[in-house]
Amino acid sequence: MSAERTGFSIADDAPVYAISVAARLAGLHAQTLRQYDRLGLVSPTRVGGRNRLYSANDIARLREIADLTSQGLTLEGI
């Protein structure tokens, strides 16, 4: 069912994806997401002080970072 049919939608900035799901959606390893967080390239919402939750916007940014690094840009350059 589409969001339009159910009347339910999730905002692109809503933190809903656990790190394992976000990693799969972005095509990256969970450790890579942790590294990007440490470097400040992406800032997921923290729940309970430890658990990271990613939004659709975060996943789009992760894909963009992955694309840039595959083109040869360093993380420092990003």
Protein backbone atom coordinates (compact mmCIF):
# COMPACT_ATOMS: atom_id res chain seq x y z
CA MET A 1 0.00 0.00 0.00
CA SER A 2 1.23 3.45 -0.77
CA ALA A 3 1.41 6.22 1.81
CA GLU A 4 -1.32 8.06 -0.09
CA ARG A 5 -3.74 5.16 0.28
CA THR A 6 -3.13 4.69 3.99
CA GLY A 7 -2.87 8.38 4.85
CA PHE A 8 0.41 7.61 6.62
CA SER A 9 3.69 9.18 5.65
CA ILE A 10 7.06 9.66 7.27
CA ALA A 11 8.97 12.90 6.91
CA ASP A 12 12.35 12.62 5.19
CA ASP A 13 14.04 14.00 8.31
CA ALA A 14 12.35 11.58 10.74
CA PRO A 15 14.93 9.30 12.42
CA VAL A 16 13.50 5.82 11.84
CA TYR A 17 16.23 3.50 10.53
CA ALA A 18 18.54 1.52 12.81
CA ILE A 19 22.18 1.45 11.77
CA SER A 20 21.95 -2.03 10.23
CA VAL A 21 18.99 -1.02 8.05
CA ALA A 22 20.53 2.34 7.13
CA ALA A 23 23.78 0.62 6.14
CA ARG A 24 21.90 -1.82 3.92
CA LEU A 25 19.87 0.98 2.29
CA ALA A 26 23.01 3.03 1.67
CA GLY A 27 25.00 0.04 0.41
CA LEU A 28 27.64 0.47 3.10
CA HIS A 29 28.93 -1.43 6.13
CA ALA A 30 27.69 -0.37 9.57
CA GLN A 31 31.30 0.38 10.61
CA THR A 32 31.51 2.86 7.74
CA LEU A 33 28.43 4.67 9.06
CA ARG A 34 30.04 4.84 12.51
CA GLN A 35 33.21 6.28 10.97
CA TYR A 36 31.26 8.91 9.04
CA ASP A 37 29.47 9.84 12.27
CA ARG A 38 32.81 10.20 14.11
CA LEU A 39 34.12 12.41 11.29
CA GLY A 40 30.98 14.56 11.34
CA LEU A 41 29.98 13.70 7.77
CA VAL A 42 26.55 12.55 8.93
CA SER A 43 24.85 13.14 12.27
CA PRO A 44 22.21 10.54 13.08
CA THR A 45 19.83 11.08 15.97
CA ARG A 46 20.92 9.40 19.20
CA VAL A 47 18.29 7.48 21.14
CA GLY A 48 19.02 6.56 24.72
CA GLY A 49 22.42 8.20 24.37
CA ARG A 50 23.90 5.35 22.32
CA ASN A 51 21.68 4.01 19.56
CA ARG A 52 21.84 5.80 16.23
CA LEU A 53 18.71 6.32 14.15
CA TYR A 54 19.01 7.52 10.57
CA SER A 55 16.49 9.43 8.47
CA ALA A 56 15.86 9.19 4.73
CA ASN A 57 17.87 12.43 4.40
CA ASP A 58 20.78 10.81 6.26
CA ILE A 59 20.67 7.82 3.92
CA ALA A 60 20.66 10.11 0.88
CA ARG A 61 23.73 11.87 2.31
CA LEU A 62 25.44 8.51 2.94
CA ARG A 63 24.84 7.53 -0.68
CA GLU A 64 26.24 10.87 -1.83
CA ILE A 65 29.37 10.40 0.30
CA ALA A 66 29.81 6.86 -1.07
CA ASP A 67 29.45 8.18 -4.61
CA LEU A 68 32.02 10.92 -4.02
CA THR A 69 34.53 8.52 -2.48
CA SER A 70 34.06 6.09 -5.39
CA GLN A 71 35.01 8.97 -7.68
CA GLY A 72 38.28 9.40 -5.79
CA LEU A 73 37.46 12.19 -3.36
CA THR A 74 38.90 11.66 0.11
CA LEU A 75 36.85 11.86 3.28
CA GLU A 76 38.88 14.93 4.24
CA GLY A 77 37.88 16.49 0.91
CA ILE A 78 34.23 15.79 1.53
